[in-house]
Amino acid sequence: PRFRLINDDPLPSDWVGRPWALHNGFLASSPNSEWILGIDADTIPHPSLVCSLLETATTEGYDLITLSPRFILKYPGEFWLQPALLMTLVYRFGAAGEIGSSAERVMANGQCFFCRRSLLEKVGGYTSAKGSFCDDVTLVRNIAATGAKVGFLDGANILKVRMYEGMAETWNEWGRSLDLKDAATSAQVWGDLVFLILVQALPLPLLIFSAWIVGSGNTTLPALIALGLNGSLVAMRIGLNAAVLQSYDRSSAKGAWLFWFSPLADPAAVFRIFLSSTRKPKSWRGRVYGG
């Protein structure tokens, strides 16, 4: 059969559930296969997905490709919060399709993971990401460190995903892994957090404050510089919001207009990154973990 359901062995204490399941799927795959495709159950792939991946990998020489999807959002709160959380990734690692990142700054999305079998065999399958709650980024960065050509590409036209139901679930479930601390050093995590505070969380409040200062008659050079700098950062954020619009499926949405107000959620989004940076997840998708 083209599709075969398999049962994993009991989860070892030093593994997280998702990489354990993926590792077992890899071990059960045909040893004669050239490529391994990992795809999440909540995705909606276009019929041309596999052909597109294979053609791109062959013509552009990729050893591993992951895709950014088109997000299916349905409720007002999602449209306000989710783009702000997504923007924390864009600010730190750039948009999908960017090239030239060092191995430790490579971005990835395991919802669609296309990799040469020989490469996965070389790194021992998913073992290097066995304890990671962001196993996709951890594994891809480990593979990139071997010298393989990896790509994080725009897949909005061939992959859709409905990740979470509502704003609260988006905050709790997606927000807890966006710090990527399991795929980075402490210096990277905290350096990125400071960067997000400066370029995403503070500009809008500081723009309002500096505009009030200047409007009150304080036209000193520091006040004008603060107004101009924060105004530029807010304008850039609005431009980035427009740029990611194509990454959203709004066909069944309520309150989609709140997407344009997502910059107002930026301070909350960065605060969520701070919270996840300081906490180790103790539960994930219904499974409870120790420590």
C-alpha atoms as a PDB file:
ATOM      1  CA  PRO A   1       0.000   0.000   0.000  1.00  0.00           C
ATOM      2  CA  ARG A   2       1.079   3.578  -0.615  1.00  0.00           C
ATOM      3  CA  PHE A   3       0.107   4.498   2.937  1.00  0.00           C
ATOM      4  CA  ARG A   4       0.697   2.253   5.917  1.00  0.00           C
ATOM      5  CA  LEU A   5      -0.186   2.960   9.529  1.00  0.00           C
ATOM      6  CA  ILE A   6       2.503   1.901  11.995  1.00  0.00           C
ATOM      7  CA  ASN A   7       2.605   1.869  15.790  1.00  0.00           C
ATOM      8  CA  ASP A   8       5.651   3.276  17.558  1.00  0.00           C
ATOM      9  CA  ASP A   9       7.383   1.630  20.456  1.00  0.00           C
ATOM     10  CA  PRO A  10       6.784   3.297  23.850  1.00  0.00           C
ATOM     11  CA  LEU A  11       8.295   6.773  24.053  1.00  0.00           C
ATOM     12  CA  PRO A  12      11.755   6.750  25.691  1.00  0.00           C
ATOM     13  CA  SER A  13      12.233   9.166  28.565  1.00  0.00           C
ATOM     14  CA  ASP A  14      14.800  11.267  26.683  1.00  0.00           C
ATOM     15  CA  TRP A  15      12.665  11.759  23.559  1.00  0.00           C
ATOM     16  CA  VAL A  16       9.885  14.221  22.735  1.00  0.00           C
ATOM     17  CA  GLY A  17       6.881  12.624  21.066  1.00  0.00           C
ATOM     18  CA  ARG A  18       7.021  14.308  17.676  1.00  0.00           C
ATOM     19  CA  PRO A  19      10.649  13.542  16.747  1.00  0.00           C
ATOM     20  CA  TRP A  20      10.182  10.002  18.115  1.00  0.00           C
ATOM     21  CA  ALA A  21       7.240   9.419  15.776  1.00  0.00           C
ATOM     22  CA  LEU A  22       9.109  10.923  12.830  1.00  0.00           C
ATOM     23  CA  HIS A  23      12.215   8.875  13.606  1.00  0.00           C
ATOM     24  CA  ASN A  24      10.204   5.665  13.663  1.00  0.00           C
ATOM     25  CA  GLY A  25       8.543   6.594  10.400  1.00  0.00           C
ATOM     26  CA  PHE A  26      11.960   7.158   8.868  1.00  0.00           C
ATOM     27  CA  LEU A  27      13.224   3.795  10.129  1.00  0.00           C
ATOM     28  CA  ALA A  28      10.162   2.074   8.658  1.00  0.00           C
ATOM     29  CA  SER A  29      10.565   3.685   5.231  1.00  0.00           C
ATOM     30  CA  SER A  30      11.994   1.866   2.240  1.00  0.00           C
ATOM     31  CA  PRO A  31      15.804   1.665   2.318  1.00  0.00           C
ATOM     32  CA  ASN A  32      15.700   2.025  -1.461  1.00  0.00           C
ATOM     33  CA  SER A  33      14.070   5.458  -1.338  1.00  0.00           C
ATOM     34  CA  GLU A  34      16.047   8.525  -2.347  1.00  0.00           C
ATOM     35  CA  TRP A  35      13.953  11.177  -0.598  1.00  0.00           C
ATOM     36  CA  ILE A  36      12.020  11.359   2.668  1.00  0.00           C
ATOM     37  CA  LEU A  37       8.923  13.566   2.952  1.00  0.00           C
ATOM     38  CA  GLY A  38       7.621  14.491   6.382  1.00  0.00           C
ATOM     39  CA  ILE A  39       4.287  16.280   6.410  1.00  0.00           C
ATOM     40  CA  ASP A  40       1.991  17.215   9.290  1.00  0.00           C
ATOM     41  CA  ALA A  41      -1.549  15.891   9.583  1.00  0.00           C
ATOM     42  CA  ASP A  42      -3.034  19.395   9.837  1.00  0.00           C
ATOM     43  CA  THR A  43      -1.676  20.473   6.453  1.00  0.00           C
ATOM     44  CA  ILE A  44      -3.542  20.618   3.148  1.00  0.00           C
ATOM     45  CA  PRO A  45      -0.994  19.902   0.401  1.00  0.00           C
ATOM     46  CA  HIS A  46      -1.621  20.821  -3.214  1.00  0.00           C
ATOM     47  CA  PRO A  47      -1.574  17.802  -5.582  1.00  0.00           C
ATOM     48  CA  SER A  48       1.591  19.189  -7.187  1.00  0.00           C
ATOM     49  CA  LEU A  49       3.477  19.475  -3.874  1.00  0.00           C
ATOM     50  CA  VAL A  50       5.778  16.472  -4.261  1.00  0.00           C
ATOM     51  CA  CYS A  51       6.561  17.174  -7.915  1.00  0.00           C
ATOM     52  CA  SER A  52       7.338  20.803  -7.092  1.00  0.00           C
ATOM     53  CA  LEU A  53       9.651  19.825  -4.248  1.00  0.00           C
ATOM     54  CA  LEU A  54      11.488  17.261  -6.333  1.00  0.00           C
ATOM     55  CA  GLU A  55      11.895  19.627  -9.278  1.00  0.00           C
ATOM     56  CA  THR A  56      13.176  22.457  -7.074  1.00  0.00           C
ATOM     57  CA  ALA A  57      15.587  20.201  -5.204  1.00  0.00           C
ATOM     58  CA  THR A  58      16.932  18.752  -8.443  1.00  0.00           C
ATOM     59  CA  THR A  59      17.291  21.962 -10.430  1.00  0.00           C
ATOM     60  CA  GLU A  60      18.642  24.102  -7.573  1.00  0.00           C
ATOM     61  CA  GLY A  61      20.744  21.461  -5.863  1.00  0.00           C
ATOM     62  CA  TYR A  62      19.027  21.374  -2.487  1.00  0.00           C
ATOM     63  CA  ASP A  63      19.651  18.489  -0.115  1.00  0.00           C
ATOM     64  CA  LEU A  64      16.810  19.515   2.177  1.00  0.00           C
ATOM     65  CA  ILE A  65      13.785  21.778   1.732  1.00  0.00           C
ATOM     66  CA  THR A  66      11.178  22.964   4.205  1.00  0.00           C
ATOM     67  CA  LEU A  67       8.283  25.238   3.295  1.00  0.00           C
ATOM     68  CA  SER A  68       6.477  28.155   4.845  1.00  0.00           C
ATOM     69  CA  PRO A  69       2.727  27.512   4.433  1.00  0.00           C
ATOM     70  CA  ARG A  70      -0.371  29.575   3.862  1.00  0.00           C
ATOM     71  CA  PHE A  71      -2.066  29.858   7.243  1.00  0.00           C
ATOM     72  CA  ILE A  72      -5.801  29.267   7.477  1.00  0.00           C
ATOM     73  CA  LEU A  73      -7.199  31.631  10.107  1.00  0.00           C
ATOM     74  CA  LYS A  74     -10.882  31.801  11.011  1.00  0.00           C
ATOM     75  CA  TYR A  75     -11.433  33.999  14.050  1.00  0.00           C
ATOM     76  CA  PRO A  76     -10.807  37.684  14.859  1.00  0.00           C
ATOM     77  CA  GLY A  77      -8.374  37.066  17.714  1.00  0.00           C
ATOM     78  CA  GLU A  78      -6.197  34.902  15.497  1.00  0.00           C
ATOM     79  CA  PHE A  79      -5.909  37.631  12.889  1.00  0.00           C
ATOM     80  CA  TRP A  80      -4.783  40.068  15.547  1.00  0.00           C
ATOM     81  CA  LEU A  81      -2.230  37.850  17.337  1.00  0.00           C
ATOM     82  CA  GLN A  82      -0.889  35.290  14.872  1.00  0.00           C
ATOM     83  CA  PRO A  83       0.754  37.729  12.407  1.00  0.00           C
ATOM     84  CA  ALA A  84       2.533  39.424  15.320  1.00  0.00           C
ATOM     85  CA  LEU A  85       3.910  36.064  16.474  1.00  0.00           C
ATOM     86  CA  LEU A  86       4.920  35.235  12.908  1.00  0.00           C
ATOM     87  CA  MET A  87       6.702  38.570  12.678  1.00  0.00           C
ATOM     88  CA  THR A  88       8.969  37.593  15.586  1.00  0.00           C
ATOM     89  CA  LEU A  89      10.397  34.933  13.263  1.00  0.00           C
ATOM     90  CA  VAL A  90      10.654  37.274  10.274  1.00  0.00           C
ATOM     91  CA  TYR A  91      12.582  39.861  12.283  1.00  0.00           C
ATOM     92  CA  ARG A  92      15.014  37.283  13.638  1.00  0.00           C
ATOM     93  CA  PHE A  93      15.590  35.029  10.638  1.00  0.00           C
ATOM     94  CA  GLY A  94      14.220  36.797   7.583  1.00  0.00           C
ATOM     95  CA  ALA A  95      11.466  35.779   5.206  1.00  0.00           C
ATOM     96  CA  ALA A  96      11.145  32.438   3.461  1.00  0.00           C
ATOM     97  CA  GLY A  97      13.453  32.186   0.473  1.00  0.00           C
ATOM     98  CA  GLU A  98      16.373  34.100   1.949  1.00  0.00           C
ATOM     99  CA  ILE A  99      19.753  32.501   1.339  1.00  0.00           C
ATOM    100  CA  GLY A 100      23.182  32.800   2.877  1.00  0.00           C
ATOM    101  CA  SER A 101      22.243  32.216   6.515  1.00  0.00           C
ATOM    102  CA  SER A 102      24.817  30.489   8.694  1.00  0.00           C
ATOM    103  CA  ALA A 103      23.864  27.057  10.017  1.00  0.00           C
ATOM    104  CA  GLU A 104      22.960  28.407  13.450  1.00  0.00           C
ATOM    105  CA  ARG A 105      20.578  30.995  11.925  1.00  0.00           C
ATOM    106  CA  VAL A 106      18.830  28.744   9.407  1.00  0.00           C
ATOM    107  CA  MET A 107      15.037  28.738   9.699  1.00  0.00           C
ATOM    108  CA  ALA A 108      12.871  25.702   8.987  1.00  0.00           C
ATOM    109  CA  ASN A 109       9.302  24.439   9.211  1.00  0.00           C
ATOM    110  CA  GLY A 110       8.768  20.750   9.808  1.00  0.00           C
ATOM    111  CA  GLN A 111       5.163  20.853   8.603  1.00  0.00           C
ATOM    112  CA  CYS A 112       6.676  20.017   5.217  1.00  0.00           C
ATOM    113  CA  PHE A 113      10.149  18.469   5.365  1.00  0.00           C
ATOM    114  CA  PHE A 114      11.774  17.068   2.195  1.00  0.00           C
ATOM    115  CA  CYS A 115      15.226  15.566   2.645  1.00  0.00           C
ATOM    116  CA  ARG A 116      17.646  13.215   0.927  1.00  0.00           C
ATOM    117  CA  ARG A 117      17.505   9.850   2.645  1.00  0.00           C
ATOM    118  CA  SER A 118      21.291   9.550   2.594  1.00  0.00           C
ATOM    119  CA  LEU A 119      21.544  12.801   4.531  1.00  0.00           C
ATOM    120  CA  LEU A 120      19.135  11.657   7.234  1.00  0.00           C
ATOM    121  CA  GLU A 121      21.060   8.407   7.512  1.00  0.00           C
ATOM    122  CA  LYS A 122      24.281  10.374   7.886  1.00  0.00           C
ATOM    123  CA  VAL A 123      22.987  12.289  10.921  1.00  0.00           C
ATOM    124  CA  GLY A 124      21.253   9.299  12.512  1.00  0.00           C
ATOM    125  CA  GLY A 125      17.697  10.189  11.582  1.00  0.00           C
ATOM    126  CA  TYR A 126      16.021  12.424  14.141  1.00  0.00           C
ATOM    127  CA  THR A 127      18.255  11.454  17.073  1.00  0.00           C
ATOM    128  CA  SER A 128      20.049  14.811  17.191  1.00  0.00           C
ATOM    129  CA  ALA A 129      16.688  16.513  17.818  1.00  0.00           C
ATOM    130  CA  LYS A 130      15.209  13.876  20.112  1.00  0.00           C
ATOM    131  CA  GLY A 131      14.775  16.164  23.120  1.00  0.00           C
ATOM    132  CA  SER A 132      13.842  19.320  21.224  1.00  0.00           C
ATOM    133  CA  PHE A 133      10.445  20.991  21.316  1.00  0.00           C
ATOM    134  CA  CYS A 134      11.391  22.715  18.043  1.00  0.00           C
ATOM    135  CA  ASP A 135      12.778  19.537  16.498  1.00  0.00           C
ATOM    136  CA  ASP A 136      12.389  20.768  12.923  1.00  0.00           C
ATOM    137  CA  VAL A 137      14.709  23.747  13.391  1.00  0.00           C
ATOM    138  CA  THR A 138      17.110  21.738  15.552  1.00  0.00           C
ATOM    139  CA  LEU A 139      17.434  18.964  12.975  1.00  0.00           C
ATOM    140  CA  VAL A 140      17.754  21.268   9.975  1.00  0.00           C
ATOM    141  CA  ARG A 141      20.434  23.363  11.682  1.00  0.00           C
ATOM    142  CA  ASN A 142      22.360  20.204  12.562  1.00  0.00           C
ATOM    143  CA  ILE A 143      22.123  19.070   8.948  1.00  0.00           C
ATOM    144  CA  ALA A 144      23.143  22.501   7.650  1.00  0.00           C
ATOM    145  CA  ALA A 145      26.213  22.316   9.885  1.00  0.00           C
ATOM    146  CA  THR A 146      27.400  19.278   7.882  1.00  0.00           C
ATOM    147  CA  GLY A 147      27.641  21.451   4.766  1.00  0.00           C
ATOM    148  CA  ALA A 148      24.395  20.337   3.145  1.00  0.00           C
ATOM    149  CA  LYS A 149      22.420  22.843   1.084  1.00  0.00           C
ATOM    150  CA  VAL A 150      19.177  23.523   2.918  1.00  0.00           C
ATOM    151  CA  GLY A 151      16.365  25.842   1.924  1.00  0.00           C
ATOM    152  CA  PHE A 152      13.394  27.401   3.704  1.00  0.00           C
ATOM    153  CA  LEU A 153      11.162  28.349   0.802  1.00  0.00           C
ATOM    154  CA  ASP A 154       7.806  30.031   0.263  1.00  0.00           C
ATOM    155  CA  GLY A 155       5.208  27.290  -0.090  1.00  0.00           C
ATOM    156  CA  ALA A 156       2.058  29.404   0.193  1.00  0.00           C
ATOM    157  CA  ASN A 157       0.810  28.248  -3.218  1.00  0.00           C
ATOM    158  CA  ILE A 158       1.223  24.524  -2.550  1.00  0.00           C
ATOM    159  CA  LEU A 159       0.715  24.082   1.205  1.00  0.00           C
ATOM    160  CA  LYS A 160      -1.994  25.292   3.576  1.00  0.00           C
ATOM    161  CA  VAL A 161      -2.291  24.632   7.289  1.00  0.00           C
ATOM    162  CA  ARG A 162      -4.876  25.113  10.013  1.00  0.00           C
ATOM    163  CA  MET A 163      -2.659  24.933  13.087  1.00  0.00           C
ATOM    164  CA  TYR A 164      -4.756  26.040  16.044  1.00  0.00           C
ATOM    165  CA  GLU A 165      -8.354  26.810  16.953  1.00  0.00           C
ATOM    166  CA  GLY A 166      -8.570  30.373  18.131  1.00  0.00           C
ATOM    167  CA  MET A 167      -6.424  33.005  19.759  1.00  0.00           C
ATOM    168  CA  ALA A 168      -5.940  31.265  23.125  1.00  0.00           C
ATOM    169  CA  GLU A 169      -4.658  28.050  21.586  1.00  0.00           C
ATOM    170  CA  THR A 170      -2.360  30.015  19.285  1.00  0.00           C
ATOM    171  CA  TRP A 171      -0.935  31.854  22.299  1.00  0.00           C
ATOM    172  CA  ASN A 172      -0.489  28.713  24.398  1.00  0.00           C
ATOM    173  CA  GLU A 173       0.644  26.172  21.813  1.00  0.00           C
ATOM    174  CA  TRP A 174       2.516  28.060  19.090  1.00  0.00           C
ATOM    175  CA  GLY A 175       3.884  30.725  21.382  1.00  0.00           C
ATOM    176  CA  ARG A 176       5.696  28.268  23.623  1.00  0.00           C
ATOM    177  CA  SER A 177       8.104  27.064  20.914  1.00  0.00           C
ATOM    178  CA  LEU A 178       8.794  30.263  18.961  1.00  0.00           C
ATOM    179  CA  ASP A 179      11.780  31.169  21.108  1.00  0.00           C
ATOM    180  CA  LEU A 180      13.607  28.202  19.472  1.00  0.00           C
ATOM    181  CA  LYS A 181      15.744  27.799  22.594  1.00  0.00           C
ATOM    182  CA  ASP A 182      16.187  24.080  21.923  1.00  0.00           C
ATOM    183  CA  ALA A 183      17.906  24.926  18.628  1.00  0.00           C
ATOM    184  CA  ALA A 184      20.103  27.788  19.824  1.00  0.00           C
ATOM    185  CA  THR A 185      22.572  28.853  22.470  1.00  0.00           C
ATOM    186  CA  SER A 186      21.469  30.949  25.434  1.00  0.00           C
ATOM    187  CA  ALA A 187      23.359  33.898  23.966  1.00  0.00           C
ATOM    188  CA  GLN A 188      21.398  33.597  20.721  1.00  0.00           C
ATOM    189  CA  VAL A 189      18.063  33.324  22.508  1.00  0.00           C
ATOM    190  CA  TRP A 190      18.613  36.352  24.725  1.00  0.00           C
ATOM    191  CA  GLY A 191      20.300  38.369  22.006  1.00  0.00           C
ATOM    192  CA  ASP A 192      17.309  37.764  19.755  1.00  0.00           C
ATOM    193  CA  LEU A 193      14.941  38.738  22.549  1.00  0.00           C
ATOM    194  CA  VAL A 194      16.708  42.065  23.102  1.00  0.00           C
ATOM    195  CA  PHE A 195      16.592  42.658  19.346  1.00  0.00           C
ATOM    196  CA  LEU A 196      12.842  41.959  19.253  1.00  0.00           C
ATOM    197  CA  ILE A 197      12.230  44.328  22.145  1.00  0.00           C
ATOM    198  CA  LEU A 198      14.078  47.111  20.333  1.00  0.00           C
ATOM    199  CA  VAL A 199      12.640  46.666  16.832  1.00  0.00           C
ATOM    200  CA  GLN A 200       9.201  45.141  17.435  1.00  0.00           C
ATOM    201  CA  ALA A 201       7.904  45.674  20.958  1.00  0.00           C
ATOM    202  CA  LEU A 202       8.974  49.255  21.720  1.00  0.00           C
ATOM    203  CA  PRO A 203       8.705  51.294  18.484  1.00  0.00           C
ATOM    204  CA  LEU A 204       4.927  51.836  18.537  1.00  0.00           C
ATOM    205  CA  PRO A 205       4.713  52.875  22.224  1.00  0.00           C
ATOM    206  CA  LEU A 206       7.809  55.038  21.797  1.00  0.00           C
ATOM    207  CA  LEU A 207       6.388  56.600  18.631  1.00  0.00           C
ATOM    208  CA  ILE A 208       3.245  57.603  20.504  1.00  0.00           C
ATOM    209  CA  PHE A 209       5.282  58.944  23.406  1.00  0.00           C
ATOM    210  CA  SER A 210       7.761  60.867  21.237  1.00  0.00           C
ATOM    211  CA  ALA A 211       4.920  62.293  19.137  1.00  0.00           C
ATOM    212  CA  TRP A 212       3.318  63.562  22.339  1.00  0.00           C
ATOM    213  CA  ILE A 213       6.651  65.045  23.463  1.00  0.00           C
ATOM    214  CA  VAL A 214       7.197  66.840  20.147  1.00  0.00           C
ATOM    215  CA  GLY A 215       3.549  67.879  20.003  1.00  0.00           C
ATOM    216  CA  SER A 216       3.953  69.454  23.426  1.00  0.00           C
ATOM    217  CA  GLY A 217       6.604  71.771  22.033  1.00  0.00           C
ATOM    218  CA  ASN A 218       9.790  69.825  22.729  1.00  0.00           C
ATOM    219  CA  THR A 219      11.583  70.012  19.392  1.00  0.00           C
ATOM    220  CA  THR A 220      15.042  69.186  20.671  1.00  0.00           C
ATOM    221  CA  LEU A 221      17.232  66.991  18.513  1.00  0.00           C
ATOM    222  CA  PRO A 222      16.871  63.849  20.716  1.00  0.00           C
ATOM    223  CA  ALA A 223      13.078  64.158  20.635  1.00  0.00           C
ATOM    224  CA  LEU A 224      13.033  64.562  16.851  1.00  0.00           C
ATOM    225  CA  ILE A 225      15.447  61.647  16.380  1.00  0.00           C
ATOM    226  CA  ALA A 226      13.265  59.433  18.596  1.00  0.00           C
ATOM    227  CA  LEU A 227      10.187  60.438  16.612  1.00  0.00           C
ATOM    228  CA  GLY A 228      11.830  59.778  13.259  1.00  0.00           C
ATOM    229  CA  LEU A 229      13.502  56.512  14.257  1.00  0.00           C
ATOM    230  CA  ASN A 230      10.435  54.960  15.828  1.00  0.00           C
ATOM    231  CA  GLY A 231       8.243  56.262  13.031  1.00  0.00           C
ATOM    232  CA  SER A 232      10.503  54.509  10.527  1.00  0.00           C
ATOM    233  CA  LEU A 233      10.377  51.242  12.475  1.00  0.00           C
ATOM    234  CA  VAL A 234       6.581  51.369  12.695  1.00  0.00           C
ATOM    235  CA  ALA A 235       6.336  52.117   8.962  1.00  0.00           C
ATOM    236  CA  MET A 236       8.595  49.140   8.262  1.00  0.00           C
ATOM    237  CA  ARG A 237       6.393  46.932  10.434  1.00  0.00           C
ATOM    238  CA  ILE A 238       3.285  47.986   8.530  1.00  0.00           C
ATOM    239  CA  GLY A 239       5.092  47.246   5.274  1.00  0.00           C
ATOM    240  CA  LEU A 240       6.057  43.779   6.509  1.00  0.00           C
ATOM    241  CA  ASN A 241       2.442  43.193   7.481  1.00  0.00           C
ATOM    242  CA  ALA A 242       1.384  43.902   3.917  1.00  0.00           C
ATOM    243  CA  ALA A 243       4.161  41.661   2.601  1.00  0.00           C
ATOM    244  CA  VAL A 244       2.941  38.595   4.532  1.00  0.00           C
ATOM    245  CA  LEU A 245      -0.713  39.053   3.545  1.00  0.00           C
ATOM    246  CA  GLN A 246      -0.352  36.385   0.848  1.00  0.00           C
ATOM    247  CA  SER A 247       0.591  33.910   3.575  1.00  0.00           C
ATOM    248  CA  TYR A 248      -2.992  33.883   4.873  1.00  0.00           C
ATOM    249  CA  ASP A 249      -6.115  32.129   3.644  1.00  0.00           C
ATOM    250  CA  ARG A 250      -9.014  34.379   4.603  1.00  0.00           C
ATOM    251  CA  SER A 251     -11.719  32.548   2.654  1.00  0.00           C
ATOM    252  CA  SER A 252     -13.599  31.327   5.757  1.00  0.00           C
ATOM    253  CA  ALA A 253     -12.518  34.074   8.134  1.00  0.00           C
ATOM    254  CA  LYS A 254     -14.413  36.262  10.547  1.00  0.00           C
ATOM    255  CA  GLY A 255     -12.904  39.611  11.456  1.00  0.00           C
ATOM    256  CA  ALA A 256     -10.070  39.341   8.935  1.00  0.00           C
ATOM    257  CA  TRP A 257      -9.753  43.143   9.006  1.00  0.00           C
ATOM    258  CA  LEU A 258      -8.019  42.782  12.370  1.00  0.00           C
ATOM    259  CA  PHE A 259      -4.989  41.511  10.462  1.00  0.00           C
ATOM    260  CA  TRP A 260      -4.120  45.156   9.756  1.00  0.00           C
ATOM    261  CA  PHE A 261      -4.130  45.892  13.485  1.00  0.00           C
ATOM    262  CA  SER A 262      -1.707  43.090  14.342  1.00  0.00           C
ATOM    263  CA  PRO A 263       1.155  45.588  14.951  1.00  0.00           C
ATOM    264  CA  LEU A 264      -0.776  46.535  18.096  1.00  0.00           C
ATOM    265  CA  ALA A 265      -0.169  42.969  19.315  1.00  0.00           C
ATOM    266  CA  ASP A 266       3.599  43.219  18.889  1.00  0.00           C
ATOM    267  CA  PRO A 267       4.389  43.981  22.554  1.00  0.00           C
ATOM    268  CA  ALA A 268       2.289  40.972  23.599  1.00  0.00           C
ATOM    269  CA  ALA A 269       3.976  38.755  20.991  1.00  0.00           C
ATOM    270  CA  VAL A 270       7.453  39.692  22.195  1.00  0.00           C
ATOM    271  CA  PHE A 271       6.333  39.144  25.791  1.00  0.00           C
ATOM    272  CA  ARG A 272       5.227  35.651  24.747  1.00  0.00           C
ATOM    273  CA  ILE A 273       8.716  34.997  23.378  1.00  0.00           C
ATOM    274  CA  PHE A 274      10.134  36.135  26.715  1.00  0.00           C
ATOM    275  CA  LEU A 275       7.840  33.764  28.608  1.00  0.00           C
ATOM    276  CA  SER A 276       8.750  30.787  26.441  1.00  0.00           C
ATOM    277  CA  SER A 277      12.443  31.671  26.671  1.00  0.00           C
ATOM    278  CA  THR A 278      12.315  31.301  30.440  1.00  0.00           C
ATOM    279  CA  ARG A 279      10.225  28.128  30.635  1.00  0.00           C
ATOM    280  CA  LYS A 280      10.718  24.525  29.586  1.00  0.00           C
ATOM    281  CA  PRO A 281       7.478  23.029  28.209  1.00  0.00           C
ATOM    282  CA  LYS A 282       6.029  20.403  30.547  1.00  0.00           C
ATOM    283  CA  SER A 283       3.213  19.321  28.270  1.00  0.00           C
ATOM    284  CA  TRP A 284       2.757  19.153  24.523  1.00  0.00           C
ATOM    285  CA  ARG A 285      -0.264  18.055  22.494  1.00  0.00           C
ATOM    286  CA  GLY A 286      -1.750  16.279  25.513  1.00  0.00           C
ATOM    287  CA  ARG A 287       1.453  14.536  26.627  1.00  0.00           C
ATOM    288  CA  VAL A 288       3.100  15.484  29.921  1.00  0.00           C
ATOM    289  CA  TYR A 289       6.894  15.584  30.198  1.00  0.00           C
ATOM    290  CA  GLY A 290       9.100  15.637  33.263  1.00  0.00           C
ATOM    291  CA  GLY A 291      11.307  18.601  34.234  1.00  0.00           C
END
